[in-house]
Amino acid sequence: MLIAFGAGAYLFLDHVSRLPFRALNDKLHKTACPVTLDMLIPAGVHIDDKITVGEVAGIRLREERGILDRTARHIAGLIPPGYRVITNFALFFFWSFLYLIFLRVFTFAGYGRCIRISLLAGGITYYFMPDFSAGRWDDAAFITLPFLIILLRSVWRRRKKAQVKTL
């Protein structure tokens, strides 16, 4: 079911990204939709009738952010790649450790559950915090890995319950 949901979401987003941007945005404005595509329009870019939603989103995602982001990328470029990887892991485990401490102190959850939750919360926090790598692959990895751990734990537990029922 999860695979079907993911495939359906991919196909839907692929279809939306191929739609003409200007016609879709004008139609959303005419119907007084609360969400329009105006937030995707980058400053200083002319949007003609033939450009698609995917192309506008690509332009928006490629543009440079602010001066702080450019400065952080420049400083991160001076750090050797091996040290950047180590600092990224340290940041991820730092946030996860803080969530683990919070969960263990203020809840009655066990260590296993707290570790899984804190790894996921640490990955989400790491995604939104500035880090030492320029790409998004590390952000996706630090969110996907805890999610996969939670998913595998769930599958393992269901199989174990099914084995107990058959005995």
C-alpha atoms as a PDB file:
ATOM      1  CA  MET A   1       0.000   0.000   0.000  1.00  0.00           C
ATOM      2  CA  LEU A   2       2.884   2.321   0.810  1.00  0.00           C
ATOM      3  CA  ILE A   3       4.472   1.608  -2.570  1.00  0.00           C
ATOM      4  CA  ALA A   4       1.174   2.317  -4.348  1.00  0.00           C
ATOM      5  CA  PHE A   5       0.812   5.600  -2.447  1.00  0.00           C
ATOM      6  CA  GLY A   6       4.374   6.623  -3.335  1.00  0.00           C
ATOM      7  CA  ALA A   7       3.899   5.703  -6.998  1.00  0.00           C
ATOM      8  CA  GLY A   8       0.596   7.592  -7.143  1.00  0.00           C
ATOM      9  CA  ALA A   9       2.167  10.673  -5.554  1.00  0.00           C
ATOM     10  CA  TYR A  10       5.064  10.511  -8.024  1.00  0.00           C
ATOM     11  CA  LEU A  11       2.730  10.241 -11.023  1.00  0.00           C
ATOM     12  CA  PHE A  12       0.551  13.090  -9.725  1.00  0.00           C
ATOM     13  CA  LEU A  13       3.538  15.391  -9.169  1.00  0.00           C
ATOM     14  CA  ASP A  14       4.965  14.449 -12.560  1.00  0.00           C
ATOM     15  CA  HIS A  15       1.645  15.373 -14.192  1.00  0.00           C
ATOM     16  CA  VAL A  16       1.427  18.689 -12.320  1.00  0.00           C
ATOM     17  CA  SER A  17       5.039  19.575 -13.183  1.00  0.00           C
ATOM     18  CA  ARG A  18       4.237  19.249 -16.907  1.00  0.00           C
ATOM     19  CA  LEU A  19       1.280  21.676 -16.805  1.00  0.00           C
ATOM     20  CA  PRO A  20       1.740  25.201 -18.211  1.00  0.00           C
ATOM     21  CA  PHE A  21       2.536  27.512 -15.320  1.00  0.00           C
ATOM     22  CA  ARG A  22       0.803  30.708 -16.365  1.00  0.00           C
ATOM     23  CA  ALA A  23      -2.516  29.093 -17.357  1.00  0.00           C
ATOM     24  CA  LEU A  24      -2.656  27.048 -14.151  1.00  0.00           C
ATOM     25  CA  ASN A  25      -1.818  30.025 -11.941  1.00  0.00           C
ATOM     26  CA  ASP A  26      -4.394  32.243 -13.701  1.00  0.00           C
ATOM     27  CA  LYS A  27      -7.044  29.561 -13.231  1.00  0.00           C
ATOM     28  CA  LEU A  28      -6.202  29.290  -9.525  1.00  0.00           C
ATOM     29  CA  HIS A  29      -6.561  33.084  -9.185  1.00  0.00           C
ATOM     30  CA  LYS A  30      -9.918  33.113 -11.026  1.00  0.00           C
ATOM     31  CA  THR A  31     -11.374  30.415  -8.760  1.00  0.00           C
ATOM     32  CA  ALA A  32     -10.164  32.306  -5.661  1.00  0.00           C
ATOM     33  CA  CYS A  33      -8.129  29.317  -4.537  1.00  0.00           C
ATOM     34  CA  PRO A  34      -6.372  29.962  -1.188  1.00  0.00           C
ATOM     35  CA  VAL A  35      -3.133  28.449  -2.546  1.00  0.00           C
ATOM     36  CA  THR A  36      -1.643  29.832  -5.762  1.00  0.00           C
ATOM     37  CA  LEU A  37       1.667  29.333  -7.522  1.00  0.00           C
ATOM     38  CA  ASP A  38       2.842  32.912  -6.934  1.00  0.00           C
ATOM     39  CA  MET A  39       5.349  31.734  -4.322  1.00  0.00           C
ATOM     40  CA  LEU A  40       7.252  29.819  -7.028  1.00  0.00           C
ATOM     41  CA  ILE A  41       7.830  32.850  -9.253  1.00  0.00           C
ATOM     42  CA  PRO A  42      11.472  33.906  -8.848  1.00  0.00           C
ATOM     43  CA  ALA A  43      12.277  37.603  -8.845  1.00  0.00           C
ATOM     44  CA  GLY A  44      13.430  39.006 -12.154  1.00  0.00           C
ATOM     45  CA  VAL A  45      12.325  36.044 -14.287  1.00  0.00           C
ATOM     46  CA  HIS A  46       9.811  36.469 -17.097  1.00  0.00           C
ATOM     47  CA  ILE A  47       7.175  33.735 -17.161  1.00  0.00           C
ATOM     48  CA  ASP A  48       5.886  33.155 -20.681  1.00  0.00           C
ATOM     49  CA  ASP A  49       2.941  30.996 -21.745  1.00  0.00           C
ATOM     50  CA  LYS A  50       5.015  27.933 -22.615  1.00  0.00           C
ATOM     51  CA  ILE A  51       7.006  27.482 -19.403  1.00  0.00           C
ATOM     52  CA  THR A  52       5.871  24.597 -17.199  1.00  0.00           C
ATOM     53  CA  VAL A  53       5.405  24.349 -13.438  1.00  0.00           C
ATOM     54  CA  GLY A  54       8.413  22.035 -13.201  1.00  0.00           C
ATOM     55  CA  GLU A  55      10.685  24.502 -15.000  1.00  0.00           C
ATOM     56  CA  VAL A  56       9.608  27.382 -12.734  1.00  0.00           C
ATOM     57  CA  ALA A  57      10.133  25.238  -9.639  1.00  0.00           C
ATOM     58  CA  GLY A  58      13.571  24.251 -10.951  1.00  0.00           C
ATOM     59  CA  ILE A  59      14.535  27.896 -11.445  1.00  0.00           C
ATOM     60  CA  ARG A  60      13.291  28.729  -7.964  1.00  0.00           C
ATOM     61  CA  LEU A  61      15.215  25.898  -6.321  1.00  0.00           C
ATOM     62  CA  ARG A  62      18.466  26.687  -8.162  1.00  0.00           C
ATOM     63  CA  GLU A  63      18.608  30.350  -7.245  1.00  0.00           C
ATOM     64  CA  GLU A  64      21.009  31.444  -4.522  1.00  0.00           C
ATOM     65  CA  ARG A  65      19.538  32.200  -1.134  1.00  0.00           C
ATOM     66  CA  GLY A  66      20.774  35.003   1.076  1.00  0.00           C
ATOM     67  CA  ILE A  67      24.183  36.306   2.018  1.00  0.00           C
ATOM     68  CA  LEU A  68      24.363  34.040   5.062  1.00  0.00           C
ATOM     69  CA  ASP A  69      23.786  30.951   2.926  1.00  0.00           C
ATOM     70  CA  ARG A  70      26.464  31.987   0.442  1.00  0.00           C
ATOM     71  CA  THR A  71      28.897  32.729   3.283  1.00  0.00           C
ATOM     72  CA  ALA A  72      28.210  29.363   4.925  1.00  0.00           C
ATOM     73  CA  ARG A  73      28.758  27.556   1.611  1.00  0.00           C
ATOM     74  CA  HIS A  74      32.041  29.406   1.099  1.00  0.00           C
ATOM     75  CA  ILE A  75      33.307  28.519   4.581  1.00  0.00           C
ATOM     76  CA  ALA A  76      32.153  24.918   4.155  1.00  0.00           C
ATOM     77  CA  GLY A  77      34.093  24.764   0.895  1.00  0.00           C
ATOM     78  CA  LEU A  78      37.301  25.439   2.848  1.00  0.00           C
ATOM     79  CA  ILE A  79      36.753  22.403   5.096  1.00  0.00           C
ATOM     80  CA  PRO A  80      38.071  19.092   3.678  1.00  0.00           C
ATOM     81  CA  PRO A  81      35.286  16.689   2.564  1.00  0.00           C
ATOM     82  CA  GLY A  82      36.124  14.026   5.146  1.00  0.00           C
ATOM     83  CA  TYR A  83      35.763  16.499   7.991  1.00  0.00           C
ATOM     84  CA  ARG A  84      32.503  17.795   6.535  1.00  0.00           C
ATOM     85  CA  VAL A  85      31.062  14.271   6.642  1.00  0.00           C
ATOM     86  CA  ILE A  86      32.209  13.846  10.244  1.00  0.00           C
ATOM     87  CA  THR A  87      30.697  17.192  11.274  1.00  0.00           C
ATOM     88  CA  ASN A  88      27.417  16.322   9.541  1.00  0.00           C
ATOM     89  CA  PHE A  89      27.222  13.054  11.475  1.00  0.00           C
ATOM     90  CA  ALA A  90      28.127  14.901  14.676  1.00  0.00           C
ATOM     91  CA  LEU A  91      25.340  17.449  14.090  1.00  0.00           C
ATOM     92  CA  PHE A  92      22.807  14.701  13.361  1.00  0.00           C
ATOM     93  CA  PHE A  93      23.742  12.692  16.447  1.00  0.00           C
ATOM     94  CA  PHE A  94      23.836  15.856  18.572  1.00  0.00           C
ATOM     95  CA  TRP A  95      20.231  16.690  17.717  1.00  0.00           C
ATOM     96  CA  SER A  96      19.183  13.062  18.095  1.00  0.00           C
ATOM     97  CA  PHE A  97      20.885  12.874  21.499  1.00  0.00           C
ATOM     98  CA  LEU A  98      19.065  15.998  22.700  1.00  0.00           C
ATOM     99  CA  TYR A  99      15.719  14.501  21.668  1.00  0.00           C
ATOM    100  CA  LEU A 100      16.657  11.195  23.317  1.00  0.00           C
ATOM    101  CA  ILE A 101      17.419  12.949  26.600  1.00  0.00           C
ATOM    102  CA  PHE A 102      14.153  14.877  26.421  1.00  0.00           C
ATOM    103  CA  LEU A 103      12.091  11.767  25.693  1.00  0.00           C
ATOM    104  CA  ARG A 104      13.740   9.659  28.399  1.00  0.00           C
ATOM    105  CA  VAL A 105      13.389  12.361  31.054  1.00  0.00           C
ATOM    106  CA  PHE A 106       9.832  13.459  30.332  1.00  0.00           C
ATOM    107  CA  THR A 107       8.161  10.233  29.128  1.00  0.00           C
ATOM    108  CA  PHE A 108       7.905   6.623  30.239  1.00  0.00           C
ATOM    109  CA  ALA A 109       8.843   5.278  26.815  1.00  0.00           C
ATOM    110  CA  GLY A 110      11.503   2.587  26.604  1.00  0.00           C
ATOM    111  CA  TYR A 111      14.974   3.040  25.191  1.00  0.00           C
ATOM    112  CA  GLY A 112      14.202   1.404  21.843  1.00  0.00           C
ATOM    113  CA  ARG A 113      11.195   3.579  21.114  1.00  0.00           C
ATOM    114  CA  CYS A 114      12.991   6.701  22.325  1.00  0.00           C
ATOM    115  CA  ILE A 115      15.995   5.985  20.113  1.00  0.00           C
ATOM    116  CA  ARG A 116      13.826   5.490  17.023  1.00  0.00           C
ATOM    117  CA  ILE A 117      11.800   8.633  17.686  1.00  0.00           C
ATOM    118  CA  SER A 118      14.873  10.701  18.531  1.00  0.00           C
ATOM    119  CA  LEU A 119      16.691   9.576  15.360  1.00  0.00           C
ATOM    120  CA  LEU A 120      13.715  10.623  13.236  1.00  0.00           C
ATOM    121  CA  ALA A 121      13.300  13.932  15.090  1.00  0.00           C
ATOM    122  CA  GLY A 122      17.064  14.540  14.841  1.00  0.00           C
ATOM    123  CA  GLY A 123      16.923  13.897  11.090  1.00  0.00           C
ATOM    124  CA  ILE A 124      14.033  16.312  10.651  1.00  0.00           C
ATOM    125  CA  THR A 125      15.837  18.957  12.712  1.00  0.00           C
ATOM    126  CA  TYR A 126      19.030  18.348  10.736  1.00  0.00           C
ATOM    127  CA  TYR A 127      17.075  18.884   7.513  1.00  0.00           C
ATOM    128  CA  PHE A 128      15.982  22.370   8.569  1.00  0.00           C
ATOM    129  CA  MET A 129      19.248  23.461  10.229  1.00  0.00           C
ATOM    130  CA  PRO A 130      22.252  24.746   8.279  1.00  0.00           C
ATOM    131  CA  ASP A 131      24.948  22.129   7.794  1.00  0.00           C
ATOM    132  CA  PHE A 132      28.399  21.799   6.248  1.00  0.00           C
ATOM    133  CA  SER A 133      27.435  20.104   2.988  1.00  0.00           C
ATOM    134  CA  ALA A 134      26.011  21.842  -0.056  1.00  0.00           C
ATOM    135  CA  GLY A 135      23.645  19.140  -1.285  1.00  0.00           C
ATOM    136  CA  ARG A 136      20.356  17.699  -0.130  1.00  0.00           C
ATOM    137  CA  TRP A 137      21.475  14.047  -0.246  1.00  0.00           C
ATOM    138  CA  ASP A 138      22.700  14.067   3.333  1.00  0.00           C
ATOM    139  CA  ASP A 139      19.455  15.679   4.496  1.00  0.00           C
ATOM    140  CA  ALA A 140      17.417  13.007   2.731  1.00  0.00           C
ATOM    141  CA  ALA A 141      19.643  10.242   4.108  1.00  0.00           C
ATOM    142  CA  PHE A 142      19.309  11.440   7.695  1.00  0.00           C
ATOM    143  CA  ILE A 143      15.516  11.425   7.364  1.00  0.00           C
ATOM    144  CA  THR A 144      15.220   8.218   5.334  1.00  0.00           C
ATOM    145  CA  LEU A 145      17.484   6.082   7.524  1.00  0.00           C
ATOM    146  CA  PRO A 146      15.465   6.522  10.766  1.00  0.00           C
ATOM    147  CA  PHE A 147      12.233   6.119   8.806  1.00  0.00           C
ATOM    148  CA  LEU A 148      13.519   2.821   7.407  1.00  0.00           C
ATOM    149  CA  ILE A 149      14.549   1.696  10.890  1.00  0.00           C
ATOM    150  CA  ILE A 150      11.037   2.407  12.151  1.00  0.00           C
ATOM    151  CA  LEU A 151       9.509   0.640   9.151  1.00  0.00           C
ATOM    152  CA  LEU A 152      11.755  -2.425   9.525  1.00  0.00           C
ATOM    153  CA  ARG A 153      10.997  -2.599  13.254  1.00  0.00           C
ATOM    154  CA  SER A 154       7.285  -2.525  12.466  1.00  0.00           C
ATOM    155  CA  VAL A 155       7.610  -5.301   9.869  1.00  0.00           C
ATOM    156  CA  TRP A 156       9.753  -7.388  12.222  1.00  0.00           C
ATOM    157  CA  ARG A 157       7.244  -6.991  15.038  1.00  0.00           C
ATOM    158  CA  ARG A 158       4.299  -7.990  12.813  1.00  0.00           C
ATOM    159  CA  ARG A 159       6.149 -11.094  11.653  1.00  0.00           C
ATOM    160  CA  LYS A 160       6.960 -11.993  15.232  1.00  0.00           C
ATOM    161  CA  LYS A 161       3.301 -11.639  16.239  1.00  0.00           C
ATOM    162  CA  ALA A 162       2.250 -13.758  13.262  1.00  0.00           C
ATOM    163  CA  GLN A 163       4.683 -16.496  14.319  1.00  0.00           C
ATOM    164  CA  VAL A 164       3.336 -16.462  17.870  1.00  0.00           C
ATOM    165  CA  LYS A 165      -0.234 -16.787  16.577  1.00  0.00           C
ATOM    166  CA  THR A 166       0.629 -19.795  14.395  1.00  0.00           C
ATOM    167  CA  LEU A 167       2.224 -21.656  17.321  1.00  0.00           C
END
